[in-house]
Amino acid sequence: MVSKELLEILRCPACVQTREGTLDFHQEAWLVCTECSRKYPIREDIPVMLIPEGDKWIETAVDDLPVPPPAE
């Protein structure tokens, strides 16, 4: 499980330069940006915070995200 301390400091890498970049923790498997709707998977307790990874899921509704996330 991702530590609470880490979740508190993580921000969306696409938004953080110009906005808050706040992330919601979804089903212990995803981090969802509240501003741009990018979704970052958490694989083996490691958040994959790469913008291209978040872009892959931007059009997927939060309720449709696979749990657990696919292995790439």
PDB file of N, CA and C in Angstrom:
ATOM      1  N   MET A   1       0.841  -1.187   0.000  1.00  0.00           N
ATOM      2  CA  MET A   1       0.000   0.000   0.000  1.00  0.00           C
ATOM      3  C   MET A   1       0.885   1.249   0.000  1.00  0.00           C
ATOM      4  N   VAL A   2       0.430   2.265  -0.715  1.00  0.00           N
ATOM      5  CA  VAL A   2       1.152   3.528  -0.789  1.00  0.00           C
ATOM      6  C   VAL A   2       0.979   4.260   0.543  1.00  0.00           C
ATOM      7  N   SER A   3       2.072   4.792   1.072  1.00  0.00           N
ATOM      8  CA  SER A   3       2.002   5.462   2.370  1.00  0.00           C
ATOM      9  C   SER A   3       1.176   6.742   2.300  1.00  0.00           C
ATOM     10  N   LYS A   4       0.527   7.049   3.390  1.00  0.00           N
ATOM     11  CA  LYS A   4      -0.299   8.248   3.481  1.00  0.00           C
ATOM     12  C   LYS A   4       0.555   9.503   3.275  1.00  0.00           C
ATOM     13  N   GLU A   5       1.771   9.488   3.784  1.00  0.00           N
ATOM     14  CA  GLU A   5       2.671  10.633   3.643  1.00  0.00           C
ATOM     15  C   GLU A   5       2.997  10.897   2.174  1.00  0.00           C
ATOM     16  N   LEU A   6       3.235   9.831   1.411  1.00  0.00           N
ATOM     17  CA  LEU A   6       3.521   9.986  -0.008  1.00  0.00           C
ATOM     18  C   LEU A   6       2.301  10.524  -0.740  1.00  0.00           C
ATOM     19  N   LEU A   7       1.136   9.994  -0.444  1.00  0.00           N
ATOM     20  CA  LEU A   7      -0.092  10.457  -1.094  1.00  0.00           C
ATOM     21  C   LEU A   7      -0.334  11.945  -0.851  1.00  0.00           C
ATOM     22  N   GLU A   8       0.065  12.437   0.300  1.00  0.00           N
ATOM     23  CA  GLU A   8      -0.140  13.845   0.638  1.00  0.00           C
ATOM     24  C   GLU A   8       0.746  14.780  -0.175  1.00  0.00           C
ATOM     25  N   ILE A   9       1.907  14.308  -0.611  1.00  0.00           N
ATOM     26  CA  ILE A   9       2.824  15.198  -1.334  1.00  0.00           C
ATOM     27  C   ILE A   9       2.782  15.028  -2.855  1.00  0.00           C
ATOM     28  N   LEU A  10       2.245  13.913  -3.333  1.00  0.00           N
ATOM     29  CA  LEU A  10       2.195  13.691  -4.783  1.00  0.00           C
ATOM     30  C   LEU A  10       1.250  14.681  -5.460  1.00  0.00           C
ATOM     31  N   ARG A  11       1.655  15.155  -6.635  1.00  0.00           N
ATOM     32  CA  ARG A  11       0.847  16.062  -7.442  1.00  0.00           C
ATOM     33  C   ARG A  11       0.927  15.614  -8.895  1.00  0.00           C
ATOM     34  N   CYS A  12      -0.055  15.972  -9.680  1.00  0.00           N
ATOM     35  CA  CYS A  12      -0.070  15.638 -11.098  1.00  0.00           C
ATOM     36  C   CYS A  12       1.105  16.345 -11.774  1.00  0.00           C
ATOM     37  N   PRO A  13       1.993  15.591 -12.423  1.00  0.00           N
ATOM     38  CA  PRO A  13       3.152  16.219 -13.058  1.00  0.00           C
ATOM     39  C   PRO A  13       2.780  17.120 -14.231  1.00  0.00           C
ATOM     40  N   ALA A  14       1.618  16.916 -14.830  1.00  0.00           N
ATOM     41  CA  ALA A  14       1.186  17.755 -15.948  1.00  0.00           C
ATOM     42  C   ALA A  14       0.632  19.098 -15.470  1.00  0.00           C
ATOM     43  N   CYS A  15       0.085  19.140 -14.279  1.00  0.00           N
ATOM     44  CA  CYS A  15      -0.583  20.346 -13.781  1.00  0.00           C
ATOM     45  C   CYS A  15       0.244  21.152 -12.780  1.00  0.00           C
ATOM     46  N   VAL A  16       1.144  20.522 -12.101  1.00  0.00           N
ATOM     47  CA  VAL A  16       1.797  21.142 -10.946  1.00  0.00           C
ATOM     48  C   VAL A  16       2.537  22.439 -11.274  1.00  0.00           C
ATOM     49  N   GLN A  17       2.957  22.654 -12.497  1.00  0.00           N
ATOM     50  CA  GLN A  17       3.680  23.879 -12.846  1.00  0.00           C
ATOM     51  C   GLN A  17       2.776  25.114 -12.865  1.00  0.00           C
ATOM     52  N   THR A  18       1.504  24.918 -13.168  1.00  0.00           N
ATOM     53  CA  THR A  18       0.610  26.066 -13.302  1.00  0.00           C
ATOM     54  C   THR A  18      -0.607  26.028 -12.375  1.00  0.00           C
ATOM     55  N   ARG A  19      -0.881  24.854 -11.792  1.00  0.00           N
ATOM     56  CA  ARG A  19      -2.045  24.701 -10.920  1.00  0.00           C
ATOM     57  C   ARG A  19      -1.660  23.854  -9.719  1.00  0.00           C
ATOM     58  N   GLU A  20      -2.634  23.544  -8.906  1.00  0.00           N
ATOM     59  CA  GLU A  20      -2.397  22.748  -7.701  1.00  0.00           C
ATOM     60  C   GLU A  20      -1.998  21.305  -8.030  1.00  0.00           C
ATOM     61  N   GLY A  21      -2.662  20.689  -8.997  1.00  0.00           N
ATOM     62  CA  GLY A  21      -2.340  19.307  -9.370  1.00  0.00           C
ATOM     63  C   GLY A  21      -2.771  18.285  -8.336  1.00  0.00           C
ATOM     64  N   THR A  22      -3.862  18.565  -7.653  1.00  0.00           N
ATOM     65  CA  THR A  22      -4.355  17.681  -6.592  1.00  0.00           C
ATOM     66  C   THR A  22      -4.802  16.339  -7.160  1.00  0.00           C
ATOM     67  N   LEU A  23      -4.455  15.282  -6.447  1.00  0.00           N
ATOM     68  CA  LEU A  23      -4.799  13.928  -6.868  1.00  0.00           C
ATOM     69  C   LEU A  23      -5.747  13.275  -5.876  1.00  0.00           C
ATOM     70  N   ASP A  24      -6.745  12.572  -6.407  1.00  0.00           N
ATOM     71  CA  ASP A  24      -7.640  11.754  -5.583  1.00  0.00           C
ATOM     72  C   ASP A  24      -7.158  10.313  -5.651  1.00  0.00           C
ATOM     73  N   PHE A  25      -7.194   9.639  -4.525  1.00  0.00           N
ATOM     74  CA  PHE A  25      -6.809   8.227  -4.413  1.00  0.00           C
ATOM     75  C   PHE A  25      -8.062   7.407  -4.682  1.00  0.00           C
ATOM     76  N   HIS A  26      -8.025   6.585  -5.743  1.00  0.00           N
ATOM     77  CA  HIS A  26      -9.224   5.834  -6.154  1.00  0.00           C
ATOM     78  C   HIS A  26      -8.987   4.331  -6.035  1.00  0.00           C
ATOM     79  N   GLN A  27      -9.753   3.680  -5.211  1.00  0.00           N
ATOM     80  CA  GLN A  27      -9.758   2.223  -5.016  1.00  0.00           C
ATOM     81  C   GLN A  27      -8.364   1.632  -4.774  1.00  0.00           C
ATOM     82  N   GLU A  28      -7.504   2.391  -4.142  1.00  0.00           N
ATOM     83  CA  GLU A  28      -6.143   1.945  -3.823  1.00  0.00           C
ATOM     84  C   GLU A  28      -5.371   1.467  -5.048  1.00  0.00           C
ATOM     85  N   ALA A  29      -5.797   1.917  -6.250  1.00  0.00           N
ATOM     86  CA  ALA A  29      -5.155   1.471  -7.474  1.00  0.00           C
ATOM     87  C   ALA A  29      -4.860   2.605  -8.450  1.00  0.00           C
ATOM     88  N   TRP A  30      -5.420   3.786  -8.221  1.00  0.00           N
ATOM     89  CA  TRP A  30      -5.268   4.896  -9.156  1.00  0.00           C
ATOM     90  C   TRP A  30      -5.132   6.217  -8.422  1.00  0.00           C
ATOM     91  N   LEU A  31      -4.414   7.148  -9.044  1.00  0.00           N
ATOM     92  CA  LEU A  31      -4.386   8.542  -8.612  1.00  0.00           C
ATOM     93  C   LEU A  31      -4.999   9.344  -9.763  1.00  0.00           C
ATOM     94  N   VAL A  32      -6.037  10.099  -9.450  1.00  0.00           N
ATOM     95  CA  VAL A  32      -6.793  10.827 -10.468  1.00  0.00           C
ATOM     96  C   VAL A  32      -6.651  12.320 -10.205  1.00  0.00           C
ATOM     97  N   CYS A  33      -6.181  13.058 -11.221  1.00  0.00           N
ATOM     98  CA  CYS A  33      -6.022  14.503 -11.089  1.00  0.00           C
ATOM     99  C   CYS A  33      -7.399  15.164 -11.118  1.00  0.00           C
ATOM    100  N   THR A  34      -7.656  16.011 -10.138  1.00  0.00           N
ATOM    101  CA  THR A  34      -8.947  16.684 -10.050  1.00  0.00           C
ATOM    102  C   THR A  34      -9.065  17.828 -11.049  1.00  0.00           C
ATOM    103  N   GLU A  35      -7.955  18.199 -11.680  1.00  0.00           N
ATOM    104  CA  GLU A  35      -7.971  19.340 -12.597  1.00  0.00           C
ATOM    105  C   GLU A  35      -7.949  18.945 -14.071  1.00  0.00           C
ATOM    106  N   CYS A  36      -7.117  17.969 -14.442  1.00  0.00           N
ATOM    107  CA  CYS A  36      -6.987  17.629 -15.864  1.00  0.00           C
ATOM    108  C   CYS A  36      -7.566  16.255 -16.210  1.00  0.00           C
ATOM    109  N   SER A  37      -7.964  15.497 -15.211  1.00  0.00           N
ATOM    110  CA  SER A  37      -8.563  14.162 -15.374  1.00  0.00           C
ATOM    111  C   SER A  37      -7.587  13.080 -15.818  1.00  0.00           C
ATOM    112  N   ARG A  38      -6.282  13.359 -15.760  1.00  0.00           N
ATOM    113  CA  ARG A  38      -5.333  12.273 -16.029  1.00  0.00           C
ATOM    114  C   ARG A  38      -5.421  11.281 -14.881  1.00  0.00           C
ATOM    115  N   LYS A  39      -5.206  10.004 -15.231  1.00  0.00           N
ATOM    116  CA  LYS A  39      -5.269   8.943 -14.236  1.00  0.00           C
ATOM    117  C   LYS A  39      -3.958   8.179 -14.248  1.00  0.00           C
ATOM    118  N   TYR A  40      -3.342   8.086 -13.081  1.00  0.00           N
ATOM    119  CA  TYR A  40      -2.045   7.432 -12.942  1.00  0.00           C
ATOM    120  C   TYR A  40      -2.222   6.125 -12.172  1.00  0.00           C
ATOM    121  N   PRO A  41      -1.806   5.007 -12.763  1.00  0.00           N
ATOM    122  CA  PRO A  41      -1.970   3.722 -12.084  1.00  0.00           C
ATOM    123  C   PRO A  41      -0.959   3.541 -10.952  1.00  0.00           C
ATOM    124  N   ILE A  42      -1.339   2.717 -10.016  1.00  0.00           N
ATOM    125  CA  ILE A  42      -0.429   2.312  -8.939  1.00  0.00           C
ATOM    126  C   ILE A  42      -0.180   0.828  -9.153  1.00  0.00           C
ATOM    127  N   ARG A  43       1.067   0.497  -9.496  1.00  0.00           N
ATOM    128  CA  ARG A  43       1.438  -0.888  -9.775  1.00  0.00           C
ATOM    129  C   ARG A  43       2.433  -1.359  -8.728  1.00  0.00           C
ATOM    130  N   GLU A  44       2.109  -2.469  -8.082  1.00  0.00           N
ATOM    131  CA  GLU A  44       2.964  -3.039  -7.039  1.00  0.00           C
ATOM    132  C   GLU A  44       3.334  -1.975  -5.995  1.00  0.00           C
ATOM    133  N   ASP A  45       2.333  -1.202  -5.592  1.00  0.00           N
ATOM    134  CA  ASP A  45       2.461  -0.150  -4.579  1.00  0.00           C
ATOM    135  C   ASP A  45       3.335   1.018  -5.010  1.00  0.00           C
ATOM    136  N   ILE A  46       3.567   1.172  -6.316  1.00  0.00           N
ATOM    137  CA  ILE A  46       4.376   2.275  -6.830  1.00  0.00           C
ATOM    138  C   ILE A  46       3.527   3.097  -7.804  1.00  0.00           C
ATOM    139  N   PRO A  47       3.277   4.372  -7.484  1.00  0.00           N
ATOM    140  CA  PRO A  47       2.538   5.226  -8.414  1.00  0.00           C
ATOM    141  C   PRO A  47       3.367   5.484  -9.674  1.00  0.00           C
ATOM    142  N   VAL A  48       2.765   5.284 -10.833  1.00  0.00           N
ATOM    143  CA  VAL A  48       3.440   5.528 -12.108  1.00  0.00           C
ATOM    144  C   VAL A  48       3.056   6.951 -12.539  1.00  0.00           C
ATOM    145  N   MET A  49       3.880   7.914 -12.168  1.00  0.00           N
ATOM    146  CA  MET A  49       3.565   9.328 -12.348  1.00  0.00           C
ATOM    147  C   MET A  49       4.196   9.902 -13.611  1.00  0.00           C
ATOM    148  N   LEU A  50       4.036   9.225 -14.717  1.00  0.00           N
ATOM    149  CA  LEU A  50       4.542   9.688 -16.005  1.00  0.00           C
ATOM    150  C   LEU A  50       3.391  10.290 -16.794  1.00  0.00           C
ATOM    151  N   ILE A  51       3.586  11.475 -17.363  1.00  0.00           N
ATOM    152  CA  ILE A  51       2.512  12.142 -18.099  1.00  0.00           C
ATOM    153  C   ILE A  51       1.961  11.260 -19.223  1.00  0.00           C
ATOM    154  N   PRO A  52       2.806  10.583 -20.022  1.00  0.00           N
ATOM    155  CA  PRO A  52       2.246   9.718 -21.068  1.00  0.00           C
ATOM    156  C   PRO A  52       1.362   8.593 -20.501  1.00  0.00           C
ATOM    157  N   GLU A  53       1.686   8.113 -19.318  1.00  0.00           N
ATOM    158  CA  GLU A  53       0.851   7.084 -18.681  1.00  0.00           C
ATOM    159  C   GLU A  53      -0.497   7.677 -18.284  1.00  0.00           C
ATOM    160  N   GLY A  54      -0.493   8.874 -17.724  1.00  0.00           N
ATOM    161  CA  GLY A  54      -1.740   9.550 -17.369  1.00  0.00           C
ATOM    162  C   GLY A  54      -2.580   9.864 -18.586  1.00  0.00           C
ATOM    163  N   ASP A  55      -1.911  10.199 -19.703  1.00  0.00           N
ATOM    164  CA  ASP A  55      -2.621  10.499 -20.956  1.00  0.00           C
ATOM    165  C   ASP A  55      -3.388   9.293 -21.485  1.00  0.00           C
ATOM    166  N   LYS A  56      -2.861   8.098 -21.278  1.00  0.00           N
ATOM    167  CA  LYS A  56      -3.520   6.880 -21.781  1.00  0.00           C
ATOM    168  C   LYS A  56      -4.934   6.730 -21.230  1.00  0.00           C
ATOM    169  N   TRP A  57      -5.152   7.235 -20.026  1.00  0.00           N
ATOM    170  CA  TRP A  57      -6.412   6.992 -19.312  1.00  0.00           C
ATOM    171  C   TRP A  57      -7.291   8.236 -19.198  1.00  0.00           C
ATOM    172  N   ILE A  58      -6.893   9.331 -19.839  1.00  0.00           N
ATOM    173  CA  ILE A  58      -7.605  10.597 -19.662  1.00  0.00           C
ATOM    174  C   ILE A  58      -9.072  10.525 -20.103  1.00  0.00           C
ATOM    175  N   GLU A  59      -9.371   9.729 -21.105  1.00  0.00           N
ATOM    176  CA  GLU A  59     -10.745   9.618 -21.598  1.00  0.00           C
ATOM    177  C   GLU A  59     -11.569   8.543 -20.878  1.00  0.00           C
ATOM    178  N   THR A  60     -10.934   7.754 -20.028  1.00  0.00           N
ATOM    179  CA  THR A  60     -11.625   6.679 -19.308  1.00  0.00           C
ATOM    180  C   THR A  60     -12.301   7.250 -18.063  1.00  0.00           C
ATOM    181  N   ALA A  61     -13.560   6.946 -17.891  1.00  0.00           N
ATOM    182  CA  ALA A  61     -14.280   7.392 -16.694  1.00  0.00           C
ATOM    183  C   ALA A  61     -13.688   6.709 -15.459  1.00  0.00           C
ATOM    184  N   VAL A  62     -13.697   7.414 -14.356  1.00  0.00           N
ATOM    185  CA  VAL A  62     -13.129   6.878 -13.113  1.00  0.00           C
ATOM    186  C   VAL A  62     -13.760   5.535 -12.761  1.00  0.00           C
ATOM    187  N   ASP A  63     -15.062   5.416 -12.920  1.00  0.00           N
ATOM    188  CA  ASP A  63     -15.751   4.167 -12.580  1.00  0.00           C
ATOM    189  C   ASP A  63     -15.399   3.016 -13.520  1.00  0.00           C
ATOM    190  N   ASP A  64     -14.812   3.330 -14.678  1.00  0.00           N
ATOM    191  CA  ASP A  64     -14.446   2.300 -15.648  1.00  0.00           C
ATOM    192  C   ASP A  64     -12.969   1.887 -15.568  1.00  0.00           C
ATOM    193  N   LEU A  65     -12.215   2.478 -14.662  1.00  0.00           N
ATOM    194  CA  LEU A  65     -10.803   2.133 -14.536  1.00  0.00           C
ATOM    195  C   LEU A  65     -10.653   0.697 -14.038  1.00  0.00           C
ATOM    196  N   PRO A  66      -9.773  -0.085 -14.673  1.00  0.00           N
ATOM    197  CA  PRO A  66      -9.585  -1.466 -14.230  1.00  0.00           C
ATOM    198  C   PRO A  66      -8.841  -1.544 -12.896  1.00  0.00           C
ATOM    199  N   VAL A  67      -9.325  -2.409 -12.035  1.00  0.00           N
ATOM    200  CA  VAL A  67      -8.680  -2.639 -10.733  1.00  0.00           C
ATOM    201  C   VAL A  67      -8.395  -4.119 -10.631  1.00  0.00           C
ATOM    202  N   PRO A  68      -7.134  -4.498 -10.515  1.00  0.00           N
ATOM    203  CA  PRO A  68      -5.946  -3.658 -10.511  1.00  0.00           C
ATOM    204  C   PRO A  68      -5.630  -3.149 -11.906  1.00  0.00           C
ATOM    205  N   PRO A  69      -4.793  -2.101 -11.991  1.00  0.00           N
ATOM    206  CA  PRO A  69      -4.409  -1.579 -13.309  1.00  0.00           C
ATOM    207  C   PRO A  69      -3.651  -2.644 -14.108  1.00  0.00           C
ATOM    208  N   PRO A  70      -3.788  -2.590 -15.425  1.00  0.00           N
ATOM    209  CA  PRO A  70      -3.043  -3.551 -16.250  1.00  0.00           C
ATOM    210  C   PRO A  70      -1.540  -3.316 -16.130  1.00  0.00           C
ATOM    211  N   ALA A  71      -0.790  -4.358 -16.319  1.00  0.00           N
ATOM    212  CA  ALA A  71       0.678  -4.268 -16.242  1.00  0.00           C
ATOM    213  C   ALA A  71       1.193  -3.711 -17.558  1.00  0.00           C
ATOM    214  N   GLU A  72       1.095  -2.440 -17.708  1.00  0.00           N
ATOM    215  CA  GLU A  72       1.534  -1.684 -18.888  1.00  0.00           C
ATOM    216  C   GLU A  72       0.776  -2.075 -20.045  1.00  0.00           C
TER     217      GLU A  72
END
